[in-house]
Amino acid sequence: PLRFTRIYSDIADIMISFGTRNHGDSYPFDGPDGTLAHAFSPGADIGGDAHFDDDESFSFSSTRGYNLFLVAVPALRHYLPA
């Protein structure tokens, strides 16, 4: 099973971040109600990163906004066991 642990410094195997528009890679977000997230296959630099569009409304249990878990699973599919 996967186990997620928040770290406050150093580099993790999967770096998850929330950003808007031009957020540091070559794939800018497009604002509300567009691209929700993207992730990169494991590797150097941004490899292993998963970026979520902070212009979107995400939730875990509310019926408002996008369910973060349902968005994260396809974005992180590179890490899930077969």
Foldseek 3Di string as FASTA:
>chain_A
DDDDDDDDDDDDQAAEEEDAACDPDPDGDDAEPDDAKAAADADPDRHRYIYGYPNFDEDCPDPPTHDPVVNVCVRCVNPDDD
